[in-house]
N, C-alpha and C. Protein backbone atom coordinates (compact mmCIF):
# COMPACT_ATOMS: atom_id res chain seq x y z
N UNK A 1 -60.06 -14.90 -26.29
CA UNK A 1 -58.80 -15.11 -26.99
C UNK A 1 -58.11 -13.76 -27.17
N UNK A 2 -56.80 -13.77 -26.98
CA UNK A 2 -56.03 -12.53 -27.08
C UNK A 2 -55.88 -12.13 -28.55
N UNK A 3 -55.85 -10.82 -28.79
CA UNK A 3 -55.66 -10.35 -30.17
C UNK A 3 -54.18 -10.34 -30.55
N UNK A 4 -53.31 -10.64 -29.58
CA UNK A 4 -51.88 -10.69 -29.84
C UNK A 4 -51.43 -12.14 -30.00
N UNK A 5 -50.38 -12.36 -30.79
CA UNK A 5 -49.85 -13.73 -30.91
C UNK A 5 -49.40 -14.24 -29.54
N UNK A 6 -49.41 -15.54 -29.37
CA UNK A 6 -49.12 -16.13 -28.07
C UNK A 6 -47.71 -15.78 -27.58
N UNK A 7 -46.75 -15.62 -28.52
CA UNK A 7 -45.39 -15.34 -28.07
C UNK A 7 -45.23 -13.89 -27.58
N UNK A 8 -46.24 -13.02 -27.83
CA UNK A 8 -46.19 -11.65 -27.33
C UNK A 8 -47.07 -11.44 -26.10
N UNK A 9 -47.88 -12.41 -25.75
CA UNK A 9 -48.75 -12.29 -24.59
C UNK A 9 -47.92 -12.34 -23.32
N UNK A 10 -48.30 -11.53 -22.33
CA UNK A 10 -47.55 -11.57 -21.07
C UNK A 10 -47.77 -12.89 -20.36
N UNK A 11 -46.74 -13.34 -19.68
CA UNK A 11 -46.83 -14.57 -18.90
C UNK A 11 -47.42 -14.21 -17.54
N UNK A 12 -48.70 -14.52 -17.35
CA UNK A 12 -49.40 -14.13 -16.13
C UNK A 12 -48.89 -14.91 -14.93
N UNK A 13 -48.63 -16.21 -15.12
CA UNK A 13 -48.20 -17.03 -13.99
C UNK A 13 -46.69 -16.91 -13.85
N UNK A 14 -46.23 -16.38 -12.72
CA UNK A 14 -44.79 -16.23 -12.54
C UNK A 14 -44.11 -17.58 -12.42
N UNK A 15 -42.96 -17.71 -13.04
CA UNK A 15 -42.22 -18.96 -12.95
C UNK A 15 -41.19 -18.83 -11.85
N UNK A 16 -41.01 -19.90 -11.12
CA UNK A 16 -40.04 -19.90 -10.04
C UNK A 16 -38.70 -20.37 -10.59
N UNK A 17 -37.63 -19.66 -10.17
CA UNK A 17 -36.30 -20.08 -10.61
C UNK A 17 -35.93 -21.38 -9.93
N UNK A 18 -35.30 -22.25 -10.70
CA UNK A 18 -34.84 -23.51 -10.12
C UNK A 18 -33.58 -23.25 -9.31
N UNK A 19 -33.18 -24.23 -8.50
CA UNK A 19 -31.97 -24.11 -7.70
C UNK A 19 -30.76 -23.89 -8.60
N UNK A 20 -30.72 -24.59 -9.73
CA UNK A 20 -29.60 -24.47 -10.67
C UNK A 20 -29.53 -23.06 -11.24
N UNK A 21 -30.69 -22.50 -11.63
CA UNK A 21 -30.71 -21.15 -12.19
C UNK A 21 -30.23 -20.13 -11.16
N UNK A 22 -30.68 -20.27 -9.91
CA UNK A 22 -30.26 -19.34 -8.87
C UNK A 22 -28.76 -19.45 -8.64
N UNK A 23 -28.26 -20.66 -8.60
CA UNK A 23 -26.84 -20.88 -8.37
C UNK A 23 -26.02 -20.28 -9.50
N UNK A 24 -26.47 -20.48 -10.76
CA UNK A 24 -25.77 -19.93 -11.92
C UNK A 24 -25.75 -18.40 -11.87
N UNK A 25 -26.87 -17.82 -11.47
CA UNK A 25 -26.96 -16.36 -11.39
C UNK A 25 -25.98 -15.80 -10.37
N UNK A 26 -25.78 -16.55 -9.28
CA UNK A 26 -24.83 -16.09 -8.26
C UNK A 26 -23.39 -16.20 -8.75
N UNK A 27 -23.10 -17.24 -9.57
CA UNK A 27 -21.73 -17.46 -10.02
C UNK A 27 -21.32 -16.57 -11.16
N UNK A 28 -22.27 -16.19 -12.03
CA UNK A 28 -21.91 -15.41 -13.20
C UNK A 28 -21.50 -14.00 -12.81
N UNK A 29 -20.35 -13.52 -13.33
CA UNK A 29 -19.87 -12.21 -12.93
C UNK A 29 -20.73 -11.10 -13.51
N UNK A 30 -20.84 -10.02 -12.76
CA UNK A 30 -21.60 -8.86 -13.22
C UNK A 30 -20.79 -8.15 -14.29
N UNK A 31 -21.47 -7.56 -15.26
CA UNK A 31 -20.80 -6.83 -16.33
C UNK A 31 -20.01 -5.64 -15.84
N UNK A 32 -20.37 -5.12 -14.66
CA UNK A 32 -19.67 -3.94 -14.16
C UNK A 32 -18.21 -4.23 -13.85
N UNK A 33 -17.89 -5.49 -13.55
CA UNK A 33 -16.51 -5.84 -13.24
C UNK A 33 -15.59 -5.66 -14.44
N UNK A 34 -16.14 -5.73 -15.65
CA UNK A 34 -15.32 -5.57 -16.84
C UNK A 34 -14.96 -4.11 -17.10
N UNK A 35 -15.60 -3.18 -16.37
CA UNK A 35 -15.31 -1.75 -16.56
C UNK A 35 -14.03 -1.31 -15.87
N UNK A 36 -13.54 -2.12 -14.93
CA UNK A 36 -12.39 -1.73 -14.12
C UNK A 36 -11.26 -2.75 -14.24
N UNK A 37 -10.05 -2.28 -13.99
CA UNK A 37 -8.88 -3.15 -13.91
C UNK A 37 -8.89 -3.84 -12.54
N UNK A 38 -8.28 -5.03 -12.42
CA UNK A 38 -8.27 -5.72 -11.12
C UNK A 38 -7.76 -4.88 -9.95
N UNK A 39 -6.69 -4.06 -10.12
CA UNK A 39 -6.26 -3.25 -8.97
C UNK A 39 -7.33 -2.23 -8.54
N UNK A 40 -8.08 -1.70 -9.51
CA UNK A 40 -9.14 -0.75 -9.18
C UNK A 40 -10.25 -1.46 -8.41
N UNK A 41 -10.62 -2.66 -8.86
CA UNK A 41 -11.66 -3.43 -8.17
C UNK A 41 -11.22 -3.73 -6.74
N UNK A 42 -9.93 -4.04 -6.57
CA UNK A 42 -9.41 -4.32 -5.23
C UNK A 42 -9.53 -3.09 -4.33
N UNK A 43 -9.25 -1.91 -4.88
CA UNK A 43 -9.38 -0.68 -4.09
C UNK A 43 -10.84 -0.44 -3.70
N UNK A 44 -11.76 -0.69 -4.63
CA UNK A 44 -13.18 -0.54 -4.32
C UNK A 44 -13.60 -1.56 -3.25
N UNK A 45 -13.04 -2.79 -3.32
CA UNK A 45 -13.37 -3.80 -2.31
C UNK A 45 -12.92 -3.34 -0.94
N UNK A 46 -11.71 -2.75 -0.88
CA UNK A 46 -11.20 -2.26 0.39
C UNK A 46 -12.09 -1.15 0.94
N UNK A 47 -12.51 -0.24 0.06
CA UNK A 47 -13.39 0.85 0.49
C UNK A 47 -14.72 0.28 0.98
N UNK A 48 -15.26 -0.70 0.24
CA UNK A 48 -16.53 -1.32 0.62
C UNK A 48 -16.40 -2.00 1.98
N UNK A 49 -15.29 -2.71 2.19
CA UNK A 49 -15.11 -3.44 3.46
C UNK A 49 -14.94 -2.49 4.64
N UNK A 50 -14.43 -1.28 4.40
CA UNK A 50 -14.34 -0.29 5.47
C UNK A 50 -15.73 0.14 5.94
N UNK A 51 -16.67 0.19 4.99
CA UNK A 51 -18.04 0.60 5.32
C UNK A 51 -18.83 -0.59 5.86
N UNK A 52 -18.59 -1.78 5.30
CA UNK A 52 -19.31 -2.99 5.71
C UNK A 52 -18.70 -3.52 7.01
N UNK A 53 -19.04 -2.85 8.12
CA UNK A 53 -18.42 -3.12 9.41
C UNK A 53 -18.67 -4.54 9.93
N UNK A 54 -19.86 -5.09 9.66
CA UNK A 54 -20.16 -6.44 10.18
C UNK A 54 -19.75 -7.55 9.21
N UNK A 55 -19.16 -7.17 8.08
CA UNK A 55 -18.60 -8.12 7.10
C UNK A 55 -19.61 -9.14 6.59
N UNK A 56 -20.87 -8.70 6.42
CA UNK A 56 -21.88 -9.63 5.90
C UNK A 56 -22.09 -9.48 4.40
N UNK A 57 -21.30 -8.62 3.74
CA UNK A 57 -21.42 -8.45 2.30
C UNK A 57 -22.50 -7.47 1.88
N UNK A 58 -23.10 -6.81 2.86
CA UNK A 58 -24.16 -5.85 2.58
C UNK A 58 -23.98 -4.64 3.49
N UNK A 59 -23.92 -3.45 2.89
CA UNK A 59 -23.85 -2.24 3.70
C UNK A 59 -25.26 -1.90 4.12
N UNK A 60 -25.52 -2.08 5.41
CA UNK A 60 -26.84 -1.85 5.97
C UNK A 60 -26.86 -0.62 6.87
N UNK A 61 -27.96 -0.46 7.57
CA UNK A 61 -28.16 0.73 8.42
C UNK A 61 -27.11 0.83 9.52
N UNK A 62 -26.85 -0.28 10.20
CA UNK A 62 -25.86 -0.27 11.29
C UNK A 62 -24.47 0.10 10.75
N UNK A 63 -24.11 -0.46 9.58
CA UNK A 63 -22.81 -0.15 8.96
C UNK A 63 -22.68 1.34 8.68
N UNK A 64 -23.73 1.92 8.10
CA UNK A 64 -23.69 3.34 7.77
C UNK A 64 -23.60 4.21 9.02
N UNK A 65 -24.38 3.86 10.04
CA UNK A 65 -24.35 4.64 11.28
C UNK A 65 -22.96 4.60 11.91
N UNK A 66 -22.34 3.41 11.93
CA UNK A 66 -20.99 3.28 12.50
C UNK A 66 -19.97 4.08 11.69
N UNK A 67 -20.09 4.03 10.36
CA UNK A 67 -19.16 4.76 9.50
C UNK A 67 -19.30 6.26 9.71
N UNK A 68 -20.55 6.74 9.72
CA UNK A 68 -20.78 8.17 9.95
C UNK A 68 -20.27 8.58 11.34
N UNK A 69 -20.51 7.74 12.35
CA UNK A 69 -20.08 8.06 13.71
C UNK A 69 -18.56 8.19 13.78
N UNK A 70 -17.85 7.31 13.05
CA UNK A 70 -16.39 7.38 13.06
C UNK A 70 -15.87 8.66 12.40
N UNK A 71 -16.71 9.27 11.57
CA UNK A 71 -16.34 10.54 10.93
C UNK A 71 -16.91 11.75 11.69
N UNK A 72 -17.62 11.49 12.78
CA UNK A 72 -18.20 12.57 13.56
C UNK A 72 -19.41 13.21 12.91
N UNK A 73 -20.13 12.43 12.08
CA UNK A 73 -21.30 12.95 11.37
C UNK A 73 -22.55 12.26 11.89
N UNK A 74 -23.59 13.04 12.10
CA UNK A 74 -24.88 12.47 12.48
C UNK A 74 -25.82 12.68 11.28
N UNK A 75 -26.07 11.61 10.50
CA UNK A 75 -26.91 11.77 9.31
C UNK A 75 -28.38 11.89 9.65
N UNK A 76 -29.10 12.60 8.80
CA UNK A 76 -30.55 12.71 9.00
C UNK A 76 -31.22 11.40 8.60
N UNK A 77 -32.45 11.21 9.03
CA UNK A 77 -33.21 10.01 8.68
C UNK A 77 -33.40 9.92 7.17
N UNK A 78 -33.60 11.08 6.52
CA UNK A 78 -33.79 11.10 5.06
C UNK A 78 -32.51 10.64 4.34
N UNK A 79 -31.37 11.11 4.84
CA UNK A 79 -30.09 10.71 4.23
C UNK A 79 -29.89 9.22 4.35
N UNK A 80 -30.16 8.68 5.55
CA UNK A 80 -30.01 7.25 5.77
C UNK A 80 -30.92 6.46 4.84
N UNK A 81 -32.18 6.89 4.73
CA UNK A 81 -33.14 6.19 3.88
C UNK A 81 -32.68 6.22 2.43
N UNK A 82 -32.20 7.37 1.99
CA UNK A 82 -31.75 7.50 0.60
C UNK A 82 -30.56 6.60 0.32
N UNK A 83 -29.61 6.57 1.25
CA UNK A 83 -28.41 5.73 1.07
C UNK A 83 -28.76 4.25 1.09
N UNK A 84 -29.68 3.86 1.95
CA UNK A 84 -30.03 2.45 2.09
C UNK A 84 -30.90 1.92 0.95
N UNK A 85 -31.65 2.80 0.32
CA UNK A 85 -32.56 2.34 -0.73
C UNK A 85 -32.12 2.73 -2.13
N UNK A 86 -31.03 3.51 -2.24
CA UNK A 86 -30.60 3.90 -3.59
C UNK A 86 -30.08 2.69 -4.34
N UNK A 87 -30.30 2.72 -5.63
CA UNK A 87 -29.91 1.62 -6.51
C UNK A 87 -29.21 2.18 -7.73
N UNK A 88 -28.40 1.36 -8.40
CA UNK A 88 -27.75 1.82 -9.62
C UNK A 88 -28.77 2.37 -10.61
N UNK A 89 -28.40 3.39 -11.30
CA UNK A 89 -29.29 4.04 -12.26
C UNK A 89 -29.68 5.41 -11.77
N UNK A 90 -29.91 5.53 -10.47
CA UNK A 90 -30.16 6.81 -9.84
C UNK A 90 -31.43 7.52 -10.26
N UNK A 91 -32.19 6.97 -11.21
CA UNK A 91 -33.41 7.62 -11.67
C UNK A 91 -34.56 7.38 -10.71
N UNK A 92 -35.75 7.89 -11.07
CA UNK A 92 -36.90 7.74 -10.19
C UNK A 92 -37.28 6.29 -9.94
N UNK A 93 -37.01 5.41 -10.86
CA UNK A 93 -37.36 4.00 -10.69
C UNK A 93 -36.28 3.19 -10.02
N UNK A 94 -35.28 3.86 -9.48
CA UNK A 94 -34.16 3.12 -8.91
C UNK A 94 -34.37 2.74 -7.45
N UNK A 95 -35.50 3.12 -6.86
CA UNK A 95 -35.79 2.77 -5.48
C UNK A 95 -36.53 1.43 -5.44
N UNK A 96 -36.18 0.55 -4.52
CA UNK A 96 -36.89 -0.72 -4.45
C UNK A 96 -38.32 -0.51 -3.97
N UNK A 97 -39.24 -1.27 -4.54
CA UNK A 97 -40.64 -1.09 -4.19
C UNK A 97 -41.03 -1.89 -2.96
N UNK A 98 -40.30 -2.95 -2.66
CA UNK A 98 -40.68 -3.82 -1.56
C UNK A 98 -40.24 -3.23 -0.23
N UNK A 99 -40.92 -3.62 0.83
CA UNK A 99 -40.57 -3.16 2.18
C UNK A 99 -39.69 -4.20 2.88
N UNK A 100 -39.26 -5.21 2.17
CA UNK A 100 -38.42 -6.26 2.73
C UNK A 100 -37.12 -5.65 3.25
N UNK A 101 -36.75 -5.89 4.52
CA UNK A 101 -35.53 -5.30 5.07
C UNK A 101 -34.27 -5.72 4.31
N UNK A 102 -34.34 -6.88 3.61
CA UNK A 102 -33.17 -7.31 2.82
C UNK A 102 -32.95 -6.42 1.61
N UNK A 103 -33.99 -5.64 1.22
CA UNK A 103 -33.84 -4.72 0.10
C UNK A 103 -33.20 -3.40 0.53
N UNK A 104 -33.01 -3.24 1.83
CA UNK A 104 -32.39 -2.01 2.33
C UNK A 104 -30.91 -2.28 2.53
N UNK A 105 -30.11 -1.74 1.67
CA UNK A 105 -28.68 -1.93 1.76
C UNK A 105 -28.07 -2.06 0.38
N UNK A 106 -26.75 -2.12 0.35
CA UNK A 106 -26.03 -2.15 -0.92
C UNK A 106 -24.99 -3.25 -0.87
N UNK A 107 -25.04 -4.17 -1.85
CA UNK A 107 -24.00 -5.19 -1.92
C UNK A 107 -22.84 -4.67 -2.78
N UNK A 108 -21.77 -5.46 -2.90
CA UNK A 108 -20.57 -4.95 -3.58
C UNK A 108 -20.80 -4.69 -5.06
N UNK A 109 -21.55 -5.55 -5.76
CA UNK A 109 -21.81 -5.33 -7.19
C UNK A 109 -22.58 -4.02 -7.41
N UNK A 110 -23.56 -3.76 -6.52
CA UNK A 110 -24.32 -2.51 -6.62
C UNK A 110 -23.42 -1.31 -6.32
N UNK A 111 -22.56 -1.46 -5.31
CA UNK A 111 -21.62 -0.40 -4.92
C UNK A 111 -20.71 -0.07 -6.10
N UNK A 112 -20.19 -1.11 -6.75
CA UNK A 112 -19.28 -0.92 -7.88
C UNK A 112 -19.99 -0.24 -9.05
N UNK A 113 -21.23 -0.64 -9.30
CA UNK A 113 -22.02 -0.03 -10.37
C UNK A 113 -22.26 1.45 -10.09
N UNK A 114 -22.60 1.76 -8.84
CA UNK A 114 -22.86 3.16 -8.48
C UNK A 114 -21.57 3.98 -8.58
N UNK A 115 -20.44 3.38 -8.22
CA UNK A 115 -19.16 4.10 -8.36
C UNK A 115 -18.86 4.38 -9.83
N UNK A 116 -19.14 3.39 -10.69
CA UNK A 116 -18.86 3.58 -12.12
C UNK A 116 -19.72 4.68 -12.71
N UNK A 117 -20.93 4.87 -12.15
CA UNK A 117 -21.81 5.92 -12.65
C UNK A 117 -21.27 7.31 -12.31
N UNK A 118 -20.47 7.39 -11.25
CA UNK A 118 -19.97 8.69 -10.81
C UNK A 118 -18.58 9.00 -11.33
N UNK A 119 -17.93 8.02 -11.90
CA UNK A 119 -16.60 8.27 -12.45
C UNK A 119 -16.72 8.63 -13.92
N UNK A 120 -15.81 9.44 -14.41
CA UNK A 120 -15.82 9.78 -15.82
C UNK A 120 -14.46 9.42 -16.41
N UNK A 121 -14.46 9.21 -17.70
CA UNK A 121 -13.23 8.82 -18.38
C UNK A 121 -12.27 10.00 -18.42
N UNK A 122 -11.05 9.75 -18.00
CA UNK A 122 -10.02 10.78 -17.98
C UNK A 122 -9.52 11.00 -19.40
N UNK A 123 -9.63 12.23 -19.89
CA UNK A 123 -9.17 12.57 -21.23
C UNK A 123 -7.77 13.14 -21.12
N UNK A 124 -6.76 12.27 -21.25
CA UNK A 124 -5.37 12.66 -21.03
C UNK A 124 -4.95 13.78 -21.97
N UNK A 125 -5.35 13.71 -23.23
CA UNK A 125 -4.93 14.71 -24.20
C UNK A 125 -5.45 16.10 -23.81
N UNK A 126 -6.72 16.20 -23.49
CA UNK A 126 -7.31 17.49 -23.12
C UNK A 126 -6.69 18.02 -21.83
N UNK A 127 -6.45 17.12 -20.87
CA UNK A 127 -5.85 17.54 -19.60
C UNK A 127 -4.44 18.06 -19.80
N UNK A 128 -3.65 17.38 -20.63
CA UNK A 128 -2.28 17.83 -20.89
C UNK A 128 -2.26 19.17 -21.60
N UNK A 129 -3.11 19.32 -22.62
CA UNK A 129 -3.17 20.58 -23.35
C UNK A 129 -3.56 21.73 -22.43
N UNK A 130 -4.52 21.46 -21.56
CA UNK A 130 -4.96 22.50 -20.62
C UNK A 130 -3.83 22.89 -19.66
N UNK A 131 -3.09 21.89 -19.18
CA UNK A 131 -1.99 22.17 -18.25
C UNK A 131 -0.90 23.00 -18.93
N UNK A 132 -0.51 22.61 -20.13
CA UNK A 132 0.53 23.37 -20.85
C UNK A 132 0.05 24.76 -21.24
N UNK A 133 -1.22 24.87 -21.62
CA UNK A 133 -1.73 26.17 -22.10
C UNK A 133 -1.70 27.23 -21.00
N UNK A 134 -1.66 26.81 -19.74
CA UNK A 134 -1.58 27.79 -18.66
C UNK A 134 -0.23 28.52 -18.67
N UNK A 135 0.76 27.94 -19.34
CA UNK A 135 2.07 28.61 -19.49
C UNK A 135 2.20 29.31 -20.84
N UNK A 136 1.26 29.08 -21.72
CA UNK A 136 1.32 29.60 -23.08
C UNK A 136 0.43 30.84 -23.20
N UNK A 137 1.00 32.01 -22.87
CA UNK A 137 0.20 33.24 -22.84
C UNK A 137 -0.24 33.70 -24.22
N UNK A 138 0.51 33.33 -25.26
CA UNK A 138 0.17 33.79 -26.62
C UNK A 138 -0.61 32.74 -27.41
N UNK A 139 -0.89 31.61 -26.79
CA UNK A 139 -1.61 30.52 -27.46
C UNK A 139 -0.93 30.09 -28.76
N UNK A 140 0.40 30.01 -28.70
CA UNK A 140 1.19 29.65 -29.88
C UNK A 140 1.46 28.16 -29.97
N UNK A 141 1.18 27.43 -28.88
CA UNK A 141 1.50 26.01 -28.86
C UNK A 141 2.91 25.75 -28.36
N UNK A 142 3.57 26.83 -27.92
CA UNK A 142 4.96 26.73 -27.44
C UNK A 142 5.06 27.32 -26.04
N UNK A 143 5.93 26.74 -25.23
CA UNK A 143 6.22 27.31 -23.91
C UNK A 143 7.73 27.39 -23.74
N UNK A 144 8.18 28.36 -22.96
CA UNK A 144 9.62 28.55 -22.71
C UNK A 144 10.14 27.40 -21.84
N UNK A 145 11.21 26.78 -22.28
CA UNK A 145 11.79 25.65 -21.53
C UNK A 145 12.24 26.07 -20.13
N UNK A 146 12.80 27.28 -20.00
CA UNK A 146 13.28 27.74 -18.69
C UNK A 146 12.12 27.81 -17.70
N UNK A 147 10.98 28.33 -18.16
CA UNK A 147 9.81 28.44 -17.30
C UNK A 147 9.29 27.05 -16.93
N UNK A 148 9.25 26.16 -17.93
CA UNK A 148 8.80 24.79 -17.68
C UNK A 148 9.71 24.09 -16.68
N UNK A 149 11.01 24.26 -16.86
CA UNK A 149 11.99 23.62 -15.97
C UNK A 149 11.76 24.07 -14.53
N UNK A 150 11.51 25.37 -14.34
CA UNK A 150 11.28 25.91 -13.00
C UNK A 150 10.04 25.28 -12.38
N UNK A 151 8.92 25.27 -13.12
CA UNK A 151 7.68 24.75 -12.58
C UNK A 151 7.74 23.24 -12.34
N UNK A 152 8.35 22.50 -13.26
CA UNK A 152 8.40 21.05 -13.11
C UNK A 152 9.27 20.60 -11.94
N UNK A 153 10.26 21.43 -11.59
CA UNK A 153 11.15 21.04 -10.50
C UNK A 153 10.73 21.59 -9.14
N UNK A 154 9.80 22.57 -9.13
CA UNK A 154 9.47 23.22 -7.87
C UNK A 154 8.04 23.02 -7.38
N UNK A 155 7.12 22.57 -8.23
CA UNK A 155 5.74 22.47 -7.79
C UNK A 155 5.15 21.08 -8.06
N UNK A 156 4.07 20.78 -7.35
CA UNK A 156 3.35 19.52 -7.58
C UNK A 156 4.21 18.29 -7.39
N UNK A 157 4.01 17.30 -8.26
CA UNK A 157 4.86 16.09 -8.25
C UNK A 157 6.16 16.45 -8.94
N UNK A 158 7.12 16.90 -8.14
CA UNK A 158 8.38 17.43 -8.69
C UNK A 158 9.13 16.38 -9.50
N UNK A 159 9.64 16.82 -10.63
CA UNK A 159 10.43 15.94 -11.49
C UNK A 159 11.91 16.19 -11.22
N UNK A 160 12.73 15.16 -11.41
CA UNK A 160 14.18 15.33 -11.26
C UNK A 160 14.73 16.03 -12.49
N UNK A 161 15.93 16.56 -12.39
CA UNK A 161 16.56 17.25 -13.53
C UNK A 161 16.74 16.29 -14.71
N UNK A 162 17.03 15.03 -14.41
CA UNK A 162 17.20 14.04 -15.48
C UNK A 162 15.88 13.86 -16.24
N UNK A 163 14.76 13.75 -15.51
CA UNK A 163 13.45 13.61 -16.14
C UNK A 163 13.08 14.85 -16.96
N UNK A 164 13.38 16.02 -16.41
CA UNK A 164 13.08 17.26 -17.12
C UNK A 164 13.91 17.37 -18.40
N UNK A 165 15.21 17.01 -18.30
CA UNK A 165 16.08 17.04 -19.50
C UNK A 165 15.56 16.10 -20.57
N UNK A 166 15.13 14.91 -20.15
CA UNK A 166 14.61 13.92 -21.09
C UNK A 166 13.38 14.47 -21.83
N UNK A 167 12.55 15.22 -21.11
CA UNK A 167 11.35 15.79 -21.71
C UNK A 167 11.69 16.97 -22.63
N UNK A 168 12.53 17.86 -22.16
CA UNK A 168 12.75 19.13 -22.87
C UNK A 168 13.89 19.10 -23.89
N UNK A 169 14.81 18.13 -23.80
CA UNK A 169 15.93 18.08 -24.75
C UNK A 169 15.65 17.03 -25.82
N UNK A 170 14.62 17.28 -26.60
CA UNK A 170 14.25 16.35 -27.65
C UNK A 170 13.83 17.10 -28.89
N UNK A 171 13.20 16.40 -29.81
CA UNK A 171 12.82 17.01 -31.09
C UNK A 171 11.73 18.07 -30.98
N UNK A 172 11.14 18.22 -29.81
CA UNK A 172 10.05 19.18 -29.67
C UNK A 172 10.51 20.54 -29.13
N UNK A 173 11.81 20.69 -28.91
CA UNK A 173 12.37 21.95 -28.44
C UNK A 173 13.14 22.60 -29.58
N UNK A 174 12.84 23.88 -29.86
CA UNK A 174 13.55 24.57 -30.94
C UNK A 174 14.82 25.25 -30.42
N UNK A 175 15.56 25.90 -31.33
CA UNK A 175 16.85 26.51 -30.96
C UNK A 175 16.68 27.71 -30.02
N UNK A 176 15.50 28.30 -30.01
CA UNK A 176 15.26 29.45 -29.13
C UNK A 176 14.84 29.00 -27.71
N UNK A 177 14.79 27.72 -27.48
CA UNK A 177 14.44 27.21 -26.16
C UNK A 177 12.94 27.16 -25.90
N UNK A 178 12.15 26.93 -26.96
CA UNK A 178 10.70 26.80 -26.83
C UNK A 178 10.30 25.34 -27.02
N UNK A 179 9.42 24.87 -26.17
CA UNK A 179 8.94 23.49 -26.23
C UNK A 179 7.58 23.48 -26.91
N UNK A 180 7.46 22.70 -28.02
CA UNK A 180 6.21 22.62 -28.78
C UNK A 180 5.33 21.53 -28.15
N UNK A 181 4.52 21.95 -27.18
CA UNK A 181 3.73 20.99 -26.41
C UNK A 181 2.57 20.41 -27.22
N UNK A 182 2.04 21.17 -28.18
CA UNK A 182 0.92 20.64 -28.97
C UNK A 182 1.36 19.46 -29.82
N UNK A 183 2.54 19.57 -30.43
CA UNK A 183 3.07 18.45 -31.23
C UNK A 183 3.42 17.26 -30.33
N UNK A 184 3.96 17.56 -29.15
CA UNK A 184 4.34 16.50 -28.21
C UNK A 184 3.11 15.69 -27.80
N UNK A 185 1.99 16.39 -27.51
CA UNK A 185 0.75 15.72 -27.12
C UNK A 185 0.20 14.90 -28.28
N UNK A 186 0.32 15.42 -29.52
CA UNK A 186 -0.14 14.65 -30.69
C UNK A 186 0.62 13.34 -30.82
N UNK A 187 1.94 13.39 -30.61
CA UNK A 187 2.76 12.18 -30.71
C UNK A 187 2.38 11.19 -29.62
N UNK A 188 2.10 11.69 -28.42
CA UNK A 188 1.65 10.81 -27.33
C UNK A 188 0.38 10.08 -27.73
N UNK A 189 -0.57 10.84 -28.34
CA UNK A 189 -1.84 10.25 -28.74
C UNK A 189 -1.63 9.16 -29.79
N UNK A 190 -0.78 9.43 -30.77
CA UNK A 190 -0.50 8.45 -31.82
C UNK A 190 0.12 7.20 -31.21
N UNK A 191 1.07 7.38 -30.27
CA UNK A 191 1.70 6.22 -29.63
C UNK A 191 0.69 5.42 -28.82
N UNK A 192 -0.22 6.10 -28.12
CA UNK A 192 -1.26 5.39 -27.36
C UNK A 192 -2.18 4.62 -28.29
N UNK A 193 -2.57 5.25 -29.41
CA UNK A 193 -3.44 4.57 -30.38
C UNK A 193 -2.75 3.33 -30.93
N UNK A 194 -1.43 3.42 -31.21
CA UNK A 194 -0.69 2.27 -31.73
C UNK A 194 -0.63 1.16 -30.71
N UNK A 195 -0.42 1.54 -29.43
CA UNK A 195 -0.38 0.52 -28.36
C UNK A 195 -1.71 -0.20 -28.25
N UNK A 196 -2.82 0.56 -28.36
CA UNK A 196 -4.15 -0.04 -28.29
C UNK A 196 -4.38 -1.00 -29.45
N UNK A 197 -3.93 -0.61 -30.65
CA UNK A 197 -4.09 -1.46 -31.84
C UNK A 197 -3.31 -2.75 -31.69
N UNK A 198 -2.06 -2.65 -31.19
CA UNK A 198 -1.23 -3.83 -31.01
C UNK A 198 -1.83 -4.75 -29.96
N UNK A 199 -2.40 -4.17 -28.91
CA UNK A 199 -3.00 -5.00 -27.85
C UNK A 199 -4.21 -5.76 -28.37
N UNK A 200 -4.96 -5.17 -29.30
CA UNK A 200 -6.15 -5.84 -29.85
C UNK A 200 -5.77 -6.92 -30.85
N UNK A 201 -4.61 -6.77 -31.49
CA UNK A 201 -4.20 -7.74 -32.53
C UNK A 201 -3.79 -9.07 -31.95
């Protein structure tokens, strides 16, 4: 007799899933899908389908070899093995233990999970402050509007004069022509927080 209560004893005899249970498991959506917006999931599907050359829903060895060949890359055997057997989680226990060839490859749910592990949340406030601070040599929280106007119209994703005027001719610009970017970013954050609160209500 076990010294543990029956509800804590391991179930030695494995139970077989019924047809209904298997079917339900296939139909129920993976939690990873809730991490992304539908357009993002669509982009990941397109990327997955580019790699899944035979369109069987599983990125296998042939798919990877064809994809690498189209890029002019000859992968090593170790690289192929790692890509084919890697699983979400990425830790030491993330490799499948079975030698079943069906365990070698990545389906879309696994692909999406692995992508989510490599993406990080974009911190808009920190990114904006960092971008503006590159123009703020004295760390005063202010930048010269003339300098901002020049950079916004000439580099990167260029803004039109109308867009620049809308940004710089507001309550955050003082009479000396300085734009208070720290206050502007604070107001953006408050507006985003309010939008989130309204969406939850």
